[in-house]
Amino acid sequence: MDSIRFNEEDFNGYLEQLIESGRLDLMQSGITKLVIDKGYDALSPKQRKVFDYMIDTNTVESCERCACDIPWCEMLEALDNGGYCNYCQHMMEKLEDE
């Protein structure tokens, strides 16, 4: 994941969702809280390595169907539905219902 996306408005909201979801271990959760409070640039090199790995394993770069970036507010859902944005997931469900 490109760290430029860490500056997007809803990134901290996603980090809070990750903590609440129970997907993170204790160390990842602590580092994530530090990022929420002080920002990514406040991390030491070792903390960045842990955080970057955590982000890489808990994000979907782009939608599997339309290839658009997944917004942070849809990221947890995309992790659980096979990597689709909400729109594509909805469209696929509609096609299945027909």
N, C-alpha and C. Protein backbone atom coordinates (compact mmCIF):
# COMPACT_ATOMS: atom_id res chain seq x y z
N MET A 1 0.86 -1.18 0.00
CA MET A 1 0.00 0.00 0.00
C MET A 1 0.90 1.23 0.00
N ASP A 2 0.59 2.15 -0.87
CA ASP A 2 1.34 3.39 -0.98
C ASP A 2 1.04 4.28 0.23
N SER A 3 2.08 4.70 0.95
CA SER A 3 1.88 5.49 2.17
C SER A 3 1.24 6.85 1.89
N ILE A 4 1.18 7.28 0.65
CA ILE A 4 0.50 8.54 0.32
C ILE A 4 -0.98 8.44 0.69
N ARG A 5 -1.54 7.24 0.64
CA ARG A 5 -2.95 7.05 1.00
C ARG A 5 -3.20 7.22 2.49
N PHE A 6 -2.12 7.19 3.30
CA PHE A 6 -2.27 7.37 4.74
C PHE A 6 -2.71 8.79 5.08
N ASN A 7 -2.60 9.70 4.14
CA ASN A 7 -3.00 11.09 4.35
C ASN A 7 -4.46 11.35 4.00
N GLU A 8 -5.14 10.35 3.47
CA GLU A 8 -6.54 10.53 3.10
C GLU A 8 -7.39 10.73 4.34
N GLU A 9 -8.47 11.47 4.16
CA GLU A 9 -9.29 11.92 5.27
C GLU A 9 -9.83 10.78 6.15
N ASP A 10 -10.26 9.70 5.56
CA ASP A 10 -10.89 8.65 6.35
C ASP A 10 -9.95 7.52 6.78
N PHE A 11 -8.63 7.72 6.63
CA PHE A 11 -7.66 6.69 7.01
C PHE A 11 -7.71 6.39 8.51
N ASN A 12 -7.73 7.43 9.35
CA ASN A 12 -7.76 7.19 10.79
C ASN A 12 -9.03 6.45 11.21
N GLY A 13 -10.13 6.73 10.54
CA GLY A 13 -11.37 6.01 10.82
C GLY A 13 -11.21 4.53 10.53
N TYR A 14 -10.51 4.21 9.44
CA TYR A 14 -10.26 2.81 9.11
C TYR A 14 -9.38 2.17 10.18
N LEU A 15 -8.36 2.90 10.62
CA LEU A 15 -7.48 2.35 11.66
C LEU A 15 -8.27 2.05 12.94
N GLU A 16 -9.18 2.93 13.29
CA GLU A 16 -10.02 2.68 14.47
C GLU A 16 -10.89 1.45 14.27
N GLN A 17 -11.43 1.28 13.06
CA GLN A 17 -12.24 0.09 12.76
C GLN A 17 -11.39 -1.18 12.88
N LEU A 18 -10.15 -1.11 12.41
CA LEU A 18 -9.26 -2.27 12.51
C LEU A 18 -9.03 -2.67 13.96
N ILE A 19 -8.77 -1.68 14.80
CA ILE A 19 -8.55 -1.96 16.22
C ILE A 19 -9.79 -2.60 16.82
N GLU A 20 -10.95 -2.03 16.56
CA GLU A 20 -12.21 -2.54 17.10
C GLU A 20 -12.57 -3.93 16.57
N SER A 21 -12.11 -4.24 15.37
CA SER A 21 -12.47 -5.51 14.73
C SER A 21 -11.79 -6.72 15.37
N GLY A 22 -10.72 -6.49 16.12
CA GLY A 22 -9.98 -7.60 16.71
C GLY A 22 -9.03 -8.28 15.75
N ARG A 23 -8.80 -7.71 14.59
CA ARG A 23 -7.90 -8.30 13.59
C ARG A 23 -6.43 -8.12 13.94
N LEU A 24 -6.12 -7.19 14.85
CA LEU A 24 -4.74 -6.84 15.14
C LEU A 24 -4.27 -7.48 16.44
N ASP A 25 -2.98 -7.85 16.47
CA ASP A 25 -2.42 -8.32 17.73
C ASP A 25 -2.10 -7.11 18.61
N LEU A 26 -1.63 -7.35 19.81
CA LEU A 26 -1.41 -6.29 20.78
C LEU A 26 -0.39 -5.26 20.29
N MET A 27 0.71 -5.71 19.70
CA MET A 27 1.73 -4.79 19.21
C MET A 27 1.20 -3.97 18.04
N GLN A 28 0.54 -4.61 17.10
CA GLN A 28 -0.02 -3.89 15.96
C GLN A 28 -1.05 -2.86 16.43
N SER A 29 -1.85 -3.23 17.39
CA SER A 29 -2.86 -2.32 17.91
C SER A 29 -2.22 -1.09 18.55
N GLY A 30 -1.17 -1.30 19.33
CA GLY A 30 -0.47 -0.19 19.98
C GLY A 30 0.15 0.76 18.97
N ILE A 31 0.79 0.21 17.96
CA ILE A 31 1.42 1.04 16.92
C ILE A 31 0.35 1.78 16.13
N THR A 32 -0.76 1.12 15.87
CA THR A 32 -1.87 1.75 15.14
C THR A 32 -2.44 2.92 15.94
N LYS A 33 -2.57 2.76 17.24
CA LYS A 33 -3.03 3.87 18.09
C LYS A 33 -2.06 5.04 18.04
N LEU A 34 -0.76 4.74 17.99
CA LEU A 34 0.25 5.80 17.88
C LEU A 34 0.10 6.55 16.56
N VAL A 35 -0.18 5.84 15.48
CA VAL A 35 -0.39 6.48 14.18
C VAL A 35 -1.62 7.39 14.23
N ILE A 36 -2.68 6.92 14.87
CA ILE A 36 -3.89 7.74 15.00
C ILE A 36 -3.58 9.01 15.77
N ASP A 37 -2.83 8.89 16.86
CA ASP A 37 -2.54 10.04 17.73
C ASP A 37 -1.49 10.99 17.16
N LYS A 38 -0.40 10.43 16.59
CA LYS A 38 0.73 11.28 16.21
C LYS A 38 1.10 11.24 14.73
N GLY A 39 0.49 10.33 13.99
CA GLY A 39 0.77 10.24 12.57
C GLY A 39 1.84 9.22 12.23
N TYR A 40 1.84 8.81 10.98
CA TYR A 40 2.77 7.80 10.48
C TYR A 40 4.22 8.24 10.61
N ASP A 41 4.48 9.52 10.42
CA ASP A 41 5.86 10.02 10.47
C ASP A 41 6.47 9.93 11.86
N ALA A 42 5.66 9.74 12.90
CA ALA A 42 6.16 9.63 14.27
C ALA A 42 6.72 8.24 14.59
N LEU A 43 6.51 7.29 13.69
CA LEU A 43 6.96 5.92 13.94
C LEU A 43 8.45 5.76 13.74
N SER A 44 9.06 4.89 14.55
CA SER A 44 10.46 4.51 14.36
C SER A 44 10.52 3.57 13.15
N PRO A 45 11.71 3.33 12.62
CA PRO A 45 11.82 2.39 11.49
C PRO A 45 11.25 1.00 11.80
N LYS A 46 11.47 0.48 13.01
CA LYS A 46 10.94 -0.83 13.36
C LYS A 46 9.42 -0.80 13.46
N GLN A 47 8.87 0.28 14.02
CA GLN A 47 7.43 0.41 14.11
C GLN A 47 6.81 0.52 12.72
N ARG A 48 7.47 1.25 11.84
CA ARG A 48 6.98 1.37 10.46
C ARG A 48 6.92 0.02 9.77
N LYS A 49 7.93 -0.80 10.01
CA LYS A 49 7.95 -2.13 9.39
C LYS A 49 6.75 -2.95 9.85
N VAL A 50 6.46 -2.92 11.15
CA VAL A 50 5.31 -3.65 11.69
C VAL A 50 4.01 -3.06 11.14
N PHE A 51 3.90 -1.72 11.14
CA PHE A 51 2.69 -1.07 10.67
C PHE A 51 2.48 -1.33 9.18
N ASP A 52 3.51 -1.21 8.38
CA ASP A 52 3.39 -1.44 6.93
C ASP A 52 2.95 -2.87 6.64
N TYR A 53 3.51 -3.84 7.38
CA TYR A 53 3.10 -5.23 7.19
C TYR A 53 1.63 -5.41 7.56
N MET A 54 1.23 -4.78 8.68
CA MET A 54 -0.16 -4.88 9.13
C MET A 54 -1.10 -4.29 8.09
N ILE A 55 -0.74 -3.14 7.54
CA ILE A 55 -1.57 -2.51 6.51
C ILE A 55 -1.62 -3.39 5.26
N ASP A 56 -0.48 -3.93 4.85
CA ASP A 56 -0.46 -4.78 3.65
C ASP A 56 -1.34 -6.01 3.80
N THR A 57 -1.44 -6.54 5.02
CA THR A 57 -2.25 -7.75 5.22
C THR A 57 -3.71 -7.43 5.56
N ASN A 58 -4.03 -6.17 5.75
CA ASN A 58 -5.39 -5.78 6.10
C ASN A 58 -5.98 -4.75 5.15
N THR A 59 -5.53 -4.77 3.92
CA THR A 59 -6.08 -3.87 2.91
C THR A 59 -6.20 -4.60 1.57
N VAL A 60 -7.01 -4.02 0.72
CA VAL A 60 -7.16 -4.47 -0.66
C VAL A 60 -6.78 -3.26 -1.52
N GLU A 61 -5.78 -3.40 -2.35
CA GLU A 61 -5.30 -2.27 -3.16
C GLU A 61 -6.39 -1.68 -4.04
N SER A 62 -7.06 -2.56 -4.78
CA SER A 62 -8.09 -2.08 -5.71
C SER A 62 -9.14 -3.18 -5.88
N CYS A 63 -10.29 -2.77 -6.35
CA CYS A 63 -11.41 -3.69 -6.54
C CYS A 63 -11.04 -4.77 -7.57
N GLU A 64 -11.39 -5.99 -7.26
CA GLU A 64 -11.10 -7.12 -8.14
C GLU A 64 -11.89 -7.06 -9.44
N ARG A 65 -12.98 -6.30 -9.46
CA ARG A 65 -13.83 -6.25 -10.65
C ARG A 65 -13.58 -5.01 -11.48
N CYS A 66 -13.59 -3.82 -10.85
CA CYS A 66 -13.49 -2.57 -11.62
C CYS A 66 -12.10 -1.92 -11.53
N ALA A 67 -11.24 -2.44 -10.67
CA ALA A 67 -9.86 -1.97 -10.50
C ALA A 67 -9.75 -0.57 -9.90
N CYS A 68 -10.82 -0.03 -9.35
CA CYS A 68 -10.76 1.27 -8.68
C CYS A 68 -10.19 1.09 -7.28
N ASP A 69 -9.56 2.15 -6.75
CA ASP A 69 -9.09 2.11 -5.38
C ASP A 69 -10.27 1.89 -4.44
N ILE A 70 -10.07 1.07 -3.44
CA ILE A 70 -11.10 0.84 -2.43
C ILE A 70 -11.02 1.98 -1.41
N PRO A 71 -12.10 2.71 -1.18
CA PRO A 71 -12.07 3.76 -0.15
C PRO A 71 -11.88 3.13 1.24
N TRP A 72 -11.24 3.87 2.13
CA TRP A 72 -10.99 3.35 3.48
C TRP A 72 -12.30 2.96 4.17
N CYS A 73 -13.37 3.70 3.92
CA CYS A 73 -14.64 3.40 4.59
C CYS A 73 -15.24 2.07 4.12
N GLU A 74 -14.75 1.50 3.02
CA GLU A 74 -15.24 0.23 2.50
C GLU A 74 -14.23 -0.91 2.67
N MET A 75 -13.07 -0.60 3.25
CA MET A 75 -11.96 -1.55 3.25
C MET A 75 -12.25 -2.84 4.02
N LEU A 76 -12.83 -2.74 5.21
CA LEU A 76 -13.11 -3.97 5.98
C LEU A 76 -14.08 -4.87 5.22
N GLU A 77 -15.08 -4.28 4.60
CA GLU A 77 -16.03 -5.06 3.81
C GLU A 77 -15.32 -5.72 2.64
N ALA A 78 -14.41 -4.99 1.99
CA ALA A 78 -13.68 -5.55 0.84
C ALA A 78 -12.81 -6.72 1.27
N LEU A 79 -12.24 -6.64 2.47
CA LEU A 79 -11.44 -7.76 2.98
C LEU A 79 -12.30 -9.01 3.15
N ASP A 80 -13.54 -8.82 3.55
CA ASP A 80 -14.42 -9.95 3.83
C ASP A 80 -15.17 -10.47 2.61
N ASN A 81 -15.28 -9.65 1.55
CA ASN A 81 -16.10 -10.09 0.40
C ASN A 81 -15.27 -10.48 -0.83
N GLY A 82 -13.99 -10.70 -0.65
CA GLY A 82 -13.17 -11.16 -1.77
C GLY A 82 -12.47 -10.06 -2.54
N GLY A 83 -12.51 -8.82 -2.02
CA GLY A 83 -11.77 -7.74 -2.66
C GLY A 83 -12.57 -6.86 -3.59
N TYR A 84 -13.88 -6.75 -3.37
CA TYR A 84 -14.73 -5.93 -4.23
C TYR A 84 -15.17 -4.65 -3.53
N CYS A 85 -15.26 -3.57 -4.28
CA CYS A 85 -15.82 -2.33 -3.74
C CYS A 85 -17.32 -2.57 -3.50
N ASN A 86 -17.94 -1.69 -2.74
CA ASN A 86 -19.36 -1.87 -2.41
C ASN A 86 -20.24 -1.91 -3.65
N TYR A 87 -19.94 -1.05 -4.63
CA TYR A 87 -20.75 -1.02 -5.85
C TYR A 87 -20.68 -2.35 -6.60
N CYS A 88 -19.47 -2.85 -6.81
CA CYS A 88 -19.33 -4.11 -7.55
C CYS A 88 -19.92 -5.27 -6.78
N GLN A 89 -19.77 -5.28 -5.46
CA GLN A 89 -20.37 -6.32 -4.64
C GLN A 89 -21.89 -6.29 -4.80
N HIS A 90 -22.47 -5.10 -4.77
CA HIS A 90 -23.91 -4.94 -4.94
C HIS A 90 -24.35 -5.43 -6.32
N MET A 91 -23.61 -5.06 -7.36
CA MET A 91 -23.97 -5.47 -8.72
C MET A 91 -23.89 -6.99 -8.88
N MET A 92 -22.89 -7.59 -8.29
CA MET A 92 -22.76 -9.05 -8.39
C MET A 92 -23.90 -9.75 -7.65
N GLU A 93 -24.30 -9.20 -6.50
CA GLU A 93 -25.44 -9.76 -5.78
C GLU A 93 -26.73 -9.65 -6.59
N LYS A 94 -26.90 -8.51 -7.29
CA LYS A 94 -28.09 -8.34 -8.14
C LYS A 94 -28.11 -9.37 -9.26
N LEU A 95 -26.96 -9.62 -9.87
CA LEU A 95 -26.88 -10.60 -10.95
C LEU A 95 -27.21 -12.00 -10.45
N GLU A 96 -26.78 -12.32 -9.22
CA GLU A 96 -27.05 -13.63 -8.65
C GLU A 96 -28.54 -13.82 -8.38
N ASP A 97 -29.23 -12.72 -8.05
CA ASP A 97 -30.65 -12.78 -7.70
C ASP A 97 -31.54 -12.96 -8.93
N GLU A 98 -31.01 -12.66 -10.11
CA GLU A 98 -31.83 -12.77 -11.32
C GLU A 98 -32.00 -14.17 -11.79
